[in-house]
Amino acid sequence: MSSSDLRRINTIEVPFVVVLGERPIKLRDILSWVQGSIVELGRDAEDELDIRINNKTIGSGTAVKVGENFGVQINFCGDPHKRIEAMGPGADSNPDEEMDADALAAALLDGQI
């Protein structure tokens, strides 16, 4: 893989999600929501937040305020191979089209270390 390929790969945008909490909820409860309804997430406000790439958890962090916006301070981000693997195709992708995660990780890291 050439260095120009690595530069192109490094510009790919992937979904970055910070999960405040999750819980199962019945459809009838969702249908009863109105403006101002509060949904308890079952997680303490001080707990670390899950950081996900392509809906795969790759780390954790703490909520912070950045000016008038919210942000996340990354406290743990796992090893680079897991992060690269998270950027690959999801479980619902075609396995024939799926690139070997170890090969992709090695190629990316080869030019970055």
PDB file of N, CA and C in Angstrom:
ATOM      1  N   MET A   1       0.861  -1.183   0.000  1.00  0.00           N
ATOM      2  CA  MET A   1       0.000   0.000   0.000  1.00  0.00           C
ATOM      3  C   MET A   1       0.895   1.229   0.000  1.00  0.00           C
ATOM      4  N   SER A   2       0.660   2.156  -0.905  1.00  0.00           N
ATOM      5  CA  SER A   2       1.500   3.345  -1.031  1.00  0.00           C
ATOM      6  C   SER A   2       1.145   4.384   0.028  1.00  0.00           C
ATOM      7  N   SER A   3       2.055   5.353   0.191  1.00  0.00           N
ATOM      8  CA  SER A   3       1.799   6.409   1.176  1.00  0.00           C
ATOM      9  C   SER A   3       0.615   7.271   0.770  1.00  0.00           C
ATOM     10  N   SER A   4       0.368   7.420  -0.550  1.00  0.00           N
ATOM     11  CA  SER A   4      -0.811   8.197  -0.973  1.00  0.00           C
ATOM     12  C   SER A   4      -2.099   7.456  -0.611  1.00  0.00           C
ATOM     13  N   ASP A   5      -2.073   6.099  -0.676  1.00  0.00           N
ATOM     14  CA  ASP A   5      -3.228   5.312  -0.236  1.00  0.00           C
ATOM     15  C   ASP A   5      -3.474   5.527   1.245  1.00  0.00           C
ATOM     16  N   LEU A   6      -2.400   5.547   2.029  1.00  0.00           N
ATOM     17  CA  LEU A   6      -2.539   5.761   3.475  1.00  0.00           C
ATOM     18  C   LEU A   6      -3.099   7.149   3.764  1.00  0.00           C
ATOM     19  N   ARG A   7      -2.646   8.148   3.022  1.00  0.00           N
ATOM     20  CA  ARG A   7      -3.176   9.505   3.223  1.00  0.00           C
ATOM     21  C   ARG A   7      -4.665   9.548   2.903  1.00  0.00           C
ATOM     22  N   ARG A   8      -5.076   8.862   1.825  1.00  0.00           N
ATOM     23  CA  ARG A   8      -6.507   8.817   1.474  1.00  0.00           C
ATOM     24  C   ARG A   8      -7.308   8.096   2.549  1.00  0.00           C
ATOM     25  N   ILE A   9      -6.792   6.980   3.049  1.00  0.00           N
ATOM     26  CA  ILE A   9      -7.493   6.234   4.101  1.00  0.00           C
ATOM     27  C   ILE A   9      -7.659   7.099   5.341  1.00  0.00           C
ATOM     28  N   ASN A  10      -6.645   7.878   5.675  1.00  0.00           N
ATOM     29  CA  ASN A  10      -6.695   8.726   6.866  1.00  0.00           C
ATOM     30  C   ASN A  10      -7.711   9.853   6.749  1.00  0.00           C
ATOM     31  N   THR A  11      -8.245  10.107   5.555  1.00  0.00           N
ATOM     32  CA  THR A  11      -9.248  11.166   5.394  1.00  0.00           C
ATOM     33  C   THR A  11     -10.673  10.630   5.415  1.00  0.00           C
ATOM     34  N   ILE A  12     -10.834   9.307   5.509  1.00  0.00           N
ATOM     35  CA  ILE A  12     -12.170   8.711   5.534  1.00  0.00           C
ATOM     36  C   ILE A  12     -12.880   9.120   6.822  1.00  0.00           C
ATOM     37  N   GLU A  13     -14.114   9.544   6.681  1.00  0.00           N
ATOM     38  CA  GLU A  13     -14.914   9.903   7.847  1.00  0.00           C
ATOM     39  C   GLU A  13     -15.740   8.704   8.287  1.00  0.00           C
ATOM     40  N   VAL A  14     -15.771   8.472   9.605  1.00  0.00           N
ATOM     41  CA  VAL A  14     -16.552   7.376  10.181  1.00  0.00           C
ATOM     42  C   VAL A  14     -17.425   7.943  11.296  1.00  0.00           C
ATOM     43  N   PRO A  15     -18.564   7.301  11.582  1.00  0.00           N
ATOM     44  CA  PRO A  15     -19.435   7.791  12.660  1.00  0.00           C
ATOM     45  C   PRO A  15     -18.738   7.693  14.025  1.00  0.00           C
ATOM     46  N   PHE A  16     -18.688   8.803  14.739  1.00  0.00           N
ATOM     47  CA  PHE A  16     -18.139   8.884  16.093  1.00  0.00           C
ATOM     48  C   PHE A  16     -19.324   9.129  17.012  1.00  0.00           C
ATOM     49  N   VAL A  17     -19.551   8.218  17.958  1.00  0.00           N
ATOM     50  CA  VAL A  17     -20.709   8.305  18.846  1.00  0.00           C
ATOM     51  C   VAL A  17     -20.236   8.201  20.284  1.00  0.00           C
ATOM     52  N   VAL A  18     -20.786   9.042  21.143  1.00  0.00           N
ATOM     53  CA  VAL A  18     -20.539   8.959  22.577  1.00  0.00           C
ATOM     54  C   VAL A  18     -21.854   8.561  23.222  1.00  0.00           C
ATOM     55  N   VAL A  19     -21.838   7.441  23.933  1.00  0.00           N
ATOM     56  CA  VAL A  19     -23.067   6.886  24.503  1.00  0.00           C
ATOM     57  C   VAL A  19     -23.193   7.334  25.958  1.00  0.00           C
ATOM     58  N   LEU A  20     -24.259   8.091  26.226  1.00  0.00           N
ATOM     59  CA  LEU A  20     -24.543   8.512  27.595  1.00  0.00           C
ATOM     60  C   LEU A  20     -25.082   7.348  28.419  1.00  0.00           C
ATOM     61  N   GLY A  21     -25.834   6.478  27.770  1.00  0.00           N
ATOM     62  CA  GLY A  21     -26.427   5.329  28.441  1.00  0.00           C
ATOM     63  C   GLY A  21     -27.382   4.634  27.501  1.00  0.00           C
ATOM     64  N   GLU A  22     -27.769   3.444  27.892  1.00  0.00           N
ATOM     65  CA  GLU A  22     -28.702   2.662  27.090  1.00  0.00           C
ATOM     66  C   GLU A  22     -29.645   1.930  28.027  1.00  0.00           C
ATOM     67  N   ARG A  23     -30.792   1.636  27.508  1.00  0.00           N
ATOM     68  CA  ARG A  23     -31.730   0.801  28.249  1.00  0.00           C
ATOM     69  C   ARG A  23     -32.813   0.306  27.315  1.00  0.00           C
ATOM     70  N   PRO A  24     -33.296  -0.885  27.587  1.00  0.00           N
ATOM     71  CA  PRO A  24     -34.442  -1.346  26.785  1.00  0.00           C
ATOM     72  C   PRO A  24     -35.681  -0.573  27.213  1.00  0.00           C
ATOM     73  N   ILE A  25     -36.544  -0.307  26.263  1.00  0.00           N
ATOM     74  CA  ILE A  25     -37.761   0.423  26.579  1.00  0.00           C
ATOM     75  C   ILE A  25     -38.888  -0.098  25.693  1.00  0.00           C
ATOM     76  N   LYS A  26     -40.042  -0.218  26.270  1.00  0.00           N
ATOM     77  CA  LYS A  26     -41.204  -0.734  25.533  1.00  0.00           C
ATOM     78  C   LYS A  26     -41.719   0.323  24.557  1.00  0.00           C
ATOM     79  N   LEU A  27     -42.185  -0.137  23.433  1.00  0.00           N
ATOM     80  CA  LEU A  27     -42.722   0.757  22.410  1.00  0.00           C
ATOM     81  C   LEU A  27     -43.859   1.605  22.966  1.00  0.00           C
ATOM     82  N   ARG A  28     -44.704   1.016  23.809  1.00  0.00           N
ATOM     83  CA  ARG A  28     -45.832   1.794  24.354  1.00  0.00           C
ATOM     84  C   ARG A  28     -45.326   2.967  25.194  1.00  0.00           C
ATOM     85  N   ASP A  29     -44.165   2.798  25.860  1.00  0.00           N
ATOM     86  CA  ASP A  29     -43.596   3.902  26.629  1.00  0.00           C
ATOM     87  C   ASP A  29     -43.092   5.009  25.705  1.00  0.00           C
ATOM     88  N   ILE A  30     -42.470   4.619  24.600  1.00  0.00           N
ATOM     89  CA  ILE A  30     -41.981   5.600  23.625  1.00  0.00           C
ATOM     90  C   ILE A  30     -43.150   6.390  23.042  1.00  0.00           C
ATOM     91  N   LEU A  31     -44.240   5.701  22.757  1.00  0.00           N
ATOM     92  CA  LEU A  31     -45.402   6.372  22.180  1.00  0.00           C
ATOM     93  C   LEU A  31     -46.059   7.350  23.154  1.00  0.00           C
ATOM     94  N   SER A  32     -45.792   7.179  24.450  1.00  0.00           N
ATOM     95  CA  SER A  32     -46.385   8.085  25.433  1.00  0.00           C
ATOM     96  C   SER A  32     -45.515   9.316  25.698  1.00  0.00           C
ATOM     97  N   TRP A  33     -44.351   9.392  25.098  1.00  0.00           N
ATOM     98  CA  TRP A  33     -43.479  10.546  25.305  1.00  0.00           C
ATOM     99  C   TRP A  33     -44.125  11.813  24.763  1.00  0.00           C
ATOM    100  N   VAL A  34     -43.904  12.899  25.482  1.00  0.00           N
ATOM    101  CA  VAL A  34     -44.305  14.230  25.048  1.00  0.00           C
ATOM    102  C   VAL A  34     -43.116  15.150  25.295  1.00  0.00           C
ATOM    103  N   GLN A  35     -43.180  16.331  24.734  1.00  0.00           N
ATOM    104  CA  GLN A  35     -42.107  17.289  24.969  1.00  0.00           C
ATOM    105  C   GLN A  35     -41.919  17.467  26.464  1.00  0.00           C
ATOM    106  N   GLY A  36     -40.687  17.358  26.933  1.00  0.00           N
ATOM    107  CA  GLY A  36     -40.382  17.495  28.356  1.00  0.00           C
ATOM    108  C   GLY A  36     -40.275  16.173  29.086  1.00  0.00           C
ATOM    109  N   SER A  37     -40.628  15.068  28.432  1.00  0.00           N
ATOM    110  CA  SER A  37     -40.483  13.752  29.060  1.00  0.00           C
ATOM    111  C   SER A  37     -39.008  13.498  29.373  1.00  0.00           C
ATOM    112  N   ILE A  38     -38.759  12.767  30.434  1.00  0.00           N
ATOM    113  CA  ILE A  38     -37.396  12.415  30.843  1.00  0.00           C
ATOM    114  C   ILE A  38     -37.267  10.907  30.821  1.00  0.00           C
ATOM    115  N   VAL A  39     -36.183  10.428  30.216  1.00  0.00           N
ATOM    116  CA  VAL A  39     -35.905   8.998  30.155  1.00  0.00           C
ATOM    117  C   VAL A  39     -34.649   8.744  30.972  1.00  0.00           C
ATOM    118  N   GLU A  40     -34.788   7.967  32.035  1.00  0.00           N
ATOM    119  CA  GLU A  40     -33.633   7.629  32.871  1.00  0.00           C
ATOM    120  C   GLU A  40     -32.804   6.564  32.166  1.00  0.00           C
ATOM    121  N   LEU A  41     -31.492   6.779  32.144  1.00  0.00           N
ATOM    122  CA  LEU A  41     -30.617   5.884  31.410  1.00  0.00           C
ATOM    123  C   LEU A  41     -29.949   4.815  32.277  1.00  0.00           C
ATOM    124  N   GLY A  42     -30.121   4.878  33.573  1.00  0.00           N
ATOM    125  CA  GLY A  42     -29.564   3.839  34.441  1.00  0.00           C
ATOM    126  C   GLY A  42     -28.052   3.887  34.551  1.00  0.00           C
ATOM    127  N   ARG A  43     -27.484   5.067  34.419  1.00  0.00           N
ATOM    128  CA  ARG A  43     -26.040   5.232  34.529  1.00  0.00           C
ATOM    129  C   ARG A  43     -25.789   6.478  35.351  1.00  0.00           C
ATOM    130  N   ASP A  44     -24.833   6.402  36.275  1.00  0.00           N
ATOM    131  CA  ASP A  44     -24.514   7.562  37.102  1.00  0.00           C
ATOM    132  C   ASP A  44     -23.921   8.680  36.247  1.00  0.00           C
ATOM    133  N   ALA A  45     -24.215   9.917  36.610  1.00  0.00           N
ATOM    134  CA  ALA A  45     -23.730  11.066  35.843  1.00  0.00           C
ATOM    135  C   ALA A  45     -22.202  11.134  35.825  1.00  0.00           C
ATOM    136  N   GLU A  46     -21.538  10.567  36.824  1.00  0.00           N
ATOM    137  CA  GLU A  46     -20.080  10.602  36.906  1.00  0.00           C
ATOM    138  C   GLU A  46     -19.411   9.446  36.161  1.00  0.00           C
ATOM    139  N   ASP A  47     -20.188   8.468  35.704  1.00  0.00           N
ATOM    140  CA  ASP A  47     -19.615   7.318  34.997  1.00  0.00           C
ATOM    141  C   ASP A  47     -18.967   7.749  33.686  1.00  0.00           C
ATOM    142  N   GLU A  48     -17.948   6.996  33.285  1.00  0.00           N
ATOM    143  CA  GLU A  48     -17.333   7.254  31.989  1.00  0.00           C
ATOM    144  C   GLU A  48     -18.320   6.906  30.876  1.00  0.00           C
ATOM    145  N   LEU A  49     -18.174   7.593  29.764  1.00  0.00           N
ATOM    146  CA  LEU A  49     -19.045   7.402  28.610  1.00  0.00           C
ATOM    147  C   LEU A  49     -18.357   6.499  27.599  1.00  0.00           C
ATOM    148  N   ASP A  50     -19.130   5.651  26.928  1.00  0.00           N
ATOM    149  CA  ASP A  50     -18.584   4.782  25.890  1.00  0.00           C
ATOM    150  C   ASP A  50     -18.356   5.588  24.621  1.00  0.00           C
ATOM    151  N   ILE A  51     -17.206   5.370  23.995  1.00  0.00           N
ATOM    152  CA  ILE A  51     -16.893   5.997  22.714  1.00  0.00           C
ATOM    153  C   ILE A  51     -16.962   4.905  21.663  1.00  0.00           C
ATOM    154  N   ARG A  52     -17.756   5.153  20.612  1.00  0.00           N
ATOM    155  CA  ARG A  52     -17.944   4.150  19.562  1.00  0.00           C
ATOM    156  C   ARG A  52     -17.584   4.715  18.195  1.00  0.00           C
ATOM    157  N   ILE A  53     -16.983   3.861  17.402  1.00  0.00           N
ATOM    158  CA  ILE A  53     -16.731   4.128  15.989  1.00  0.00           C
ATOM    159  C   ILE A  53     -17.472   3.035  15.234  1.00  0.00           C
ATOM    160  N   ASN A  54     -18.304   3.405  14.276  1.00  0.00           N
ATOM    161  CA  ASN A  54     -19.105   2.417  13.530  1.00  0.00           C
ATOM    162  C   ASN A  54     -19.873   1.491  14.471  1.00  0.00           C
ATOM    163  N   ASN A  55     -20.370   2.040  15.549  1.00  0.00           N
ATOM    164  CA  ASN A  55     -21.152   1.303  16.549  1.00  0.00           C
ATOM    165  C   ASN A  55     -20.355   0.216  17.264  1.00  0.00           C
ATOM    166  N   LYS A  56     -19.021   0.344  17.281  1.00  0.00           N
ATOM    167  CA  LYS A  56     -18.155  -0.579  18.022  1.00  0.00           C
ATOM    168  C   LYS A  56     -17.418   0.227  19.076  1.00  0.00           C
ATOM    169  N   THR A  57     -17.490  -0.212  20.335  1.00  0.00           N
ATOM    170  CA  THR A  57     -16.837   0.523  21.418  1.00  0.00           C
ATOM    171  C   THR A  57     -15.323   0.413  21.271  1.00  0.00           C
ATOM    172  N   ILE A  58     -14.662   1.575  21.246  1.00  0.00           N
ATOM    173  CA  ILE A  58     -13.207   1.598  21.118  1.00  0.00           C
ATOM    174  C   ILE A  58     -12.531   2.310  22.284  1.00  0.00           C
ATOM    175  N   GLY A  59     -13.328   2.876  23.200  1.00  0.00           N
ATOM    176  CA  GLY A  59     -12.734   3.585  24.320  1.00  0.00           C
ATOM    177  C   GLY A  59     -13.786   4.175  25.234  1.00  0.00           C
ATOM    178  N   SER A  60     -13.306   5.052  26.119  1.00  0.00           N
ATOM    179  CA  SER A  60     -14.216   5.715  27.057  1.00  0.00           C
ATOM    180  C   SER A  60     -13.691   7.108  27.353  1.00  0.00           C
ATOM    181  N   GLY A  61     -14.586   7.940  27.871  1.00  0.00           N
ATOM    182  CA  GLY A  61     -14.196   9.302  28.175  1.00  0.00           C
ATOM    183  C   GLY A  61     -15.156   9.961  29.142  1.00  0.00           C
ATOM    184  N   THR A  62     -14.892  11.220  29.397  1.00  0.00           N
ATOM    185  CA  THR A  62     -15.673  12.009  30.336  1.00  0.00           C
ATOM    186  C   THR A  62     -16.260  13.217  29.607  1.00  0.00           C
ATOM    187  N   ALA A  63     -17.500  13.531  29.904  1.00  0.00           N
ATOM    188  CA  ALA A  63     -18.132  14.700  29.285  1.00  0.00           C
ATOM    189  C   ALA A  63     -17.456  15.975  29.796  1.00  0.00           C
ATOM    190  N   VAL A  64     -17.212  16.902  28.868  1.00  0.00           N
ATOM    191  CA  VAL A  64     -16.628  18.195  29.205  1.00  0.00           C
ATOM    192  C   VAL A  64     -17.379  19.279  28.443  1.00  0.00           C
ATOM    193  N   LYS A  65     -17.265  20.505  28.924  1.00  0.00           N
ATOM    194  CA  LYS A  65     -17.860  21.640  28.226  1.00  0.00           C
ATOM    195  C   LYS A  65     -16.734  22.367  27.496  1.00  0.00           C
ATOM    196  N   VAL A  66     -16.948  22.618  26.193  1.00  0.00           N
ATOM    197  CA  VAL A  66     -15.977  23.317  25.363  1.00  0.00           C
ATOM    198  C   VAL A  66     -16.678  24.562  24.832  1.00  0.00           C
ATOM    199  N   GLY A  67     -16.455  25.685  25.483  1.00  0.00           N
ATOM    200  CA  GLY A  67     -17.191  26.897  25.121  1.00  0.00           C
ATOM    201  C   GLY A  67     -18.659  26.675  25.409  1.00  0.00           C
ATOM    202  N   GLU A  68     -19.489  26.801  24.385  1.00  0.00           N
ATOM    203  CA  GLU A  68     -20.923  26.576  24.531  1.00  0.00           C
ATOM    204  C   GLU A  68     -21.329  25.178  24.099  1.00  0.00           C
ATOM    205  N   ASN A  69     -20.362  24.332  23.749  1.00  0.00           N
ATOM    206  CA  ASN A  69     -20.642  22.982  23.265  1.00  0.00           C
ATOM    207  C   ASN A  69     -20.215  21.931  24.282  1.00  0.00           C
ATOM    208  N   PHE A  70     -20.712  20.728  24.091  1.00  0.00           N
ATOM    209  CA  PHE A  70     -20.239  19.583  24.851  1.00  0.00           C
ATOM    210  C   PHE A  70     -19.119  18.924  24.067  1.00  0.00           C
ATOM    211  N   GLY A  71     -18.244  18.261  24.788  1.00  0.00           N
ATOM    212  CA  GLY A  71     -17.173  17.484  24.179  1.00  0.00           C
ATOM    213  C   GLY A  71     -16.932  16.259  25.029  1.00  0.00           C
ATOM    214  N   VAL A  72     -15.967  15.475  24.645  1.00  0.00           N
ATOM    215  CA  VAL A  72     -15.597  14.306  25.438  1.00  0.00           C
ATOM    216  C   VAL A  72     -14.080  14.277  25.568  1.00  0.00           C
ATOM    217  N   GLN A  73     -13.623  14.168  26.801  1.00  0.00           N
ATOM    218  CA  GLN A  73     -12.199  13.992  27.058  1.00  0.00           C
ATOM    219  C   GLN A  73     -11.936  12.499  27.032  1.00  0.00           C
ATOM    220  N   ILE A  74     -11.061  12.070  26.146  1.00  0.00           N
ATOM    221  CA  ILE A  74     -10.796  10.640  25.989  1.00  0.00           C
ATOM    222  C   ILE A  74      -9.886  10.171  27.109  1.00  0.00           C
ATOM    223  N   ASN A  75     -10.385   9.200  27.890  1.00  0.00           N
ATOM    224  CA  ASN A  75      -9.630   8.639  29.001  1.00  0.00           C
ATOM    225  C   ASN A  75      -8.961   7.320  28.630  1.00  0.00           C
ATOM    226  N   PHE A  76      -9.564   6.600  27.692  1.00  0.00           N
ATOM    227  CA  PHE A  76      -9.013   5.327  27.229  1.00  0.00           C
ATOM    228  C   PHE A  76      -9.431   5.151  25.778  1.00  0.00           C
ATOM    229  N   CYS A  77      -8.497   4.723  24.940  1.00  0.00           N
ATOM    230  CA  CYS A  77      -8.870   4.542  23.530  1.00  0.00           C
ATOM    231  C   CYS A  77      -8.371   3.221  22.958  1.00  0.00           C
ATOM    232  N   GLY A  78      -8.044   2.267  23.784  1.00  0.00           N
ATOM    233  CA  GLY A  78      -7.709   0.930  23.294  1.00  0.00           C
ATOM    234  C   GLY A  78      -6.500   0.906  22.389  1.00  0.00           C
ATOM    235  N   ASP A  79      -6.171  -0.286  21.908  1.00  0.00           N
ATOM    236  CA  ASP A  79      -4.997  -0.379  21.061  1.00  0.00           C
ATOM    237  C   ASP A  79      -5.358  -0.007  19.623  1.00  0.00           C
ATOM    238  N   PRO A  80      -4.371   0.482  18.861  1.00  0.00           N
ATOM    239  CA  PRO A  80      -4.646   0.964  17.500  1.00  0.00           C
ATOM    240  C   PRO A  80      -5.283  -0.091  16.595  1.00  0.00           C
ATOM    241  N   HIS A  81      -4.923  -1.365  16.762  1.00  0.00           N
ATOM    242  CA  HIS A  81      -5.495  -2.411  15.917  1.00  0.00           C
ATOM    243  C   HIS A  81      -7.009  -2.512  16.115  1.00  0.00           C
ATOM    244  N   LYS A  82      -7.475  -2.400  17.362  1.00  0.00           N
ATOM    245  CA  LYS A  82      -8.918  -2.462  17.636  1.00  0.00           C
ATOM    246  C   LYS A  82      -9.628  -1.254  17.032  1.00  0.00           C
ATOM    247  N   ARG A  83      -8.996  -0.079  17.097  1.00  0.00           N
ATOM    248  CA  ARG A  83      -9.612   1.114  16.517  1.00  0.00           C
ATOM    249  C   ARG A  83      -9.709   0.995  15.010  1.00  0.00           C
ATOM    250  N   ILE A  84      -8.672   0.491  14.385  1.00  0.00           N
ATOM    251  CA  ILE A  84      -8.683   0.317  12.935  1.00  0.00           C
ATOM    252  C   ILE A  84      -9.721  -0.723  12.550  1.00  0.00           C
ATOM    253  N   GLU A  85      -9.786  -1.809  13.322  1.00  0.00           N
ATOM    254  CA  GLU A  85     -10.778  -2.850  13.055  1.00  0.00           C
ATOM    255  C   GLU A  85     -12.193  -2.278  13.135  1.00  0.00           C
ATOM    256  N   ALA A  86     -12.429  -1.374  14.091  1.00  0.00           N
ATOM    257  CA  ALA A  86     -13.750  -0.761  14.258  1.00  0.00           C
ATOM    258  C   ALA A  86     -14.141   0.074  13.046  1.00  0.00           C
ATOM    259  N   MET A  87     -13.151   0.586  12.327  1.00  0.00           N
ATOM    260  CA  MET A  87     -13.447   1.399  11.153  1.00  0.00           C
ATOM    261  C   MET A  87     -13.797   0.558   9.935  1.00  0.00           C
ATOM    262  N   GLY A  88     -13.580  -0.749  10.022  1.00  0.00           N
ATOM    263  CA  GLY A  88     -13.846  -1.630   8.892  1.00  0.00           C
ATOM    264  C   GLY A  88     -15.320  -1.918   8.742  1.00  0.00           C
ATOM    265  N   PRO A  89     -15.646  -2.806   7.816  1.00  0.00           N
ATOM    266  CA  PRO A  89     -17.046  -3.156   7.564  1.00  0.00           C
ATOM    267  C   PRO A  89     -17.717  -3.730   8.809  1.00  0.00           C
ATOM    268  N   GLY A  90     -19.006  -3.506   8.925  1.00  0.00           N
ATOM    269  CA  GLY A  90     -19.771  -3.996  10.071  1.00  0.00           C
ATOM    270  C   GLY A  90     -20.166  -5.446   9.907  1.00  0.00           C
ATOM    271  N   ALA A  91     -20.849  -5.967  10.910  1.00  0.00           N
ATOM    272  CA  ALA A  91     -21.273  -7.364  10.919  1.00  0.00           C
ATOM    273  C   ALA A  91     -22.250  -7.664   9.796  1.00  0.00           C
ATOM    274  N   ASP A  92     -22.945  -6.640   9.305  1.00  0.00           N
ATOM    275  CA  ASP A  92     -23.929  -6.871   8.257  1.00  0.00           C
ATOM    276  C   ASP A  92     -23.352  -6.738   6.849  1.00  0.00           C
ATOM    277  N   SER A  93     -22.015  -6.568   6.749  1.00  0.00           N
ATOM    278  CA  SER A  93     -21.409  -6.418   5.429  1.00  0.00           C
ATOM    279  C   SER A  93     -21.177  -7.776   4.788  1.00  0.00           C
ATOM    280  N   ASN A  94     -20.877  -7.746   3.517  1.00  0.00           N
ATOM    281  CA  ASN A  94     -20.609  -8.956   2.764  1.00  0.00           C
ATOM    282  C   ASN A  94     -19.207  -9.447   3.100  1.00  0.00           C
ATOM    283  N   PRO A  95     -19.050 -10.674   3.649  1.00  0.00           N
ATOM    284  CA  PRO A  95     -17.731 -11.165   4.033  1.00  0.00           C
ATOM    285  C   PRO A  95     -16.764 -11.241   2.860  1.00  0.00           C
ATOM    286  N   ASP A  96     -17.263 -11.418   1.626  1.00  0.00           N
ATOM    287  CA  ASP A  96     -16.377 -11.469   0.464  1.00  0.00           C
ATOM    288  C   ASP A  96     -15.716 -10.122   0.205  1.00  0.00           C
ATOM    289  N   GLU A  97     -16.380  -9.044   0.615  1.00  0.00           N
ATOM    290  CA  GLU A  97     -15.849  -7.706   0.391  1.00  0.00           C
ATOM    291  C   GLU A  97     -15.043  -7.203   1.591  1.00  0.00           C
ATOM    292  N   GLU A  98     -15.082  -7.916   2.685  1.00  0.00           N
ATOM    293  CA  GLU A  98     -14.450  -7.452   3.912  1.00  0.00           C
ATOM    294  C   GLU A  98     -12.932  -7.582   3.829  1.00  0.00           C
ATOM    295  N   MET A  99     -12.229  -6.493   4.115  1.00  0.00           N
ATOM    296  CA  MET A  99     -10.781  -6.518   4.113  1.00  0.00           C
ATOM    297  C   MET A  99     -10.288  -7.131   5.416  1.00  0.00           C
ATOM    298  N   ASP A 100      -9.226  -7.901   5.356  1.00  0.00           N
ATOM    299  CA  ASP A 100      -8.637  -8.504   6.538  1.00  0.00           C
ATOM    300  C   ASP A 100      -8.188  -7.396   7.489  1.00  0.00           C
ATOM    301  N   ALA A 101      -8.728  -7.362   8.706  1.00  0.00           N
ATOM    302  CA  ALA A 101      -8.466  -6.281   9.655  1.00  0.00           C
ATOM    303  C   ALA A 101      -6.993  -6.227  10.046  1.00  0.00           C
ATOM    304  N   ASP A 102      -6.349  -7.377  10.219  1.00  0.00           N
ATOM    305  CA  ASP A 102      -4.932  -7.383  10.592  1.00  0.00           C
ATOM    306  C   ASP A 102      -4.071  -6.789   9.478  1.00  0.00           C
ATOM    307  N   ALA A 103      -4.403  -7.128   8.219  1.00  0.00           N
ATOM    308  CA  ALA A 103      -3.648  -6.588   7.088  1.00  0.00           C
ATOM    309  C   ALA A 103      -3.836  -5.078   6.988  1.00  0.00           C
ATOM    310  N   LEU A 104      -5.072  -4.608   7.182  1.00  0.00           N
ATOM    311  CA  LEU A 104      -5.340  -3.177   7.142  1.00  0.00           C
ATOM    312  C   LEU A 104      -4.609  -2.465   8.271  1.00  0.00           C
ATOM    313  N   ALA A 105      -4.673  -3.041   9.473  1.00  0.00           N
ATOM    314  CA  ALA A 105      -3.999  -2.434  10.624  1.00  0.00           C
ATOM    315  C   ALA A 105      -2.497  -2.345  10.384  1.00  0.00           C
ATOM    316  N   ALA A 106      -1.907  -3.425   9.889  1.00  0.00           N
ATOM    317  CA  ALA A 106      -0.466  -3.433   9.637  1.00  0.00           C
ATOM    318  C   ALA A 106      -0.089  -2.381   8.603  1.00  0.00           C
ATOM    319  N   ALA A 107      -0.885  -2.271   7.532  1.00  0.00           N
ATOM    320  CA  ALA A 107      -0.594  -1.305   6.484  1.00  0.00           C
ATOM    321  C   ALA A 107      -0.716   0.114   6.997  1.00  0.00           C
ATOM    322  N   LEU A 108      -1.754   0.391   7.759  1.00  0.00           N
ATOM    323  CA  LEU A 108      -1.932   1.746   8.298  1.00  0.00           C
ATOM    324  C   LEU A 108      -0.832   2.098   9.288  1.00  0.00           C
ATOM    325  N   LEU A 109      -0.550   1.184  10.193  1.00  0.00           N
ATOM    326  CA  LEU A 109       0.431   1.455  11.230  1.00  0.00           C
ATOM    327  C   LEU A 109       1.848   1.534  10.668  1.00  0.00           C
ATOM    328  N   ASP A 110       2.101   0.844   9.570  1.00  0.00           N
ATOM    329  CA  ASP A 110       3.413   0.840   8.944  1.00  0.00           C
ATOM    330  C   ASP A 110       3.843   2.261   8.586  1.00  0.00           C
ATOM    331  N   GLY A 111       2.920   3.061   8.139  1.00  0.00           N
ATOM    332  CA  GLY A 111       3.259   4.434   7.756  1.00  0.00           C
ATOM    333  C   GLY A 111       3.081   5.452   8.857  1.00  0.00           C
ATOM    334  N   GLN A 112       2.586   5.035  10.027  1.00  0.00           N
ATOM    335  CA  GLN A 112       2.272   6.002  11.080  1.00  0.00           C
ATOM    336  C   GLN A 112       3.216   5.933  12.277  1.00  0.00           C
ATOM    337  N   ILE A 113       3.971   4.878  12.399  1.00  0.00           N
ATOM    338  CA  ILE A 113       4.817   4.728  13.603  1.00  0.00           C
ATOM    339  C   ILE A 113       6.194   5.265  13.341  1.00  0.00           C
TER     340      ILE A 113
END
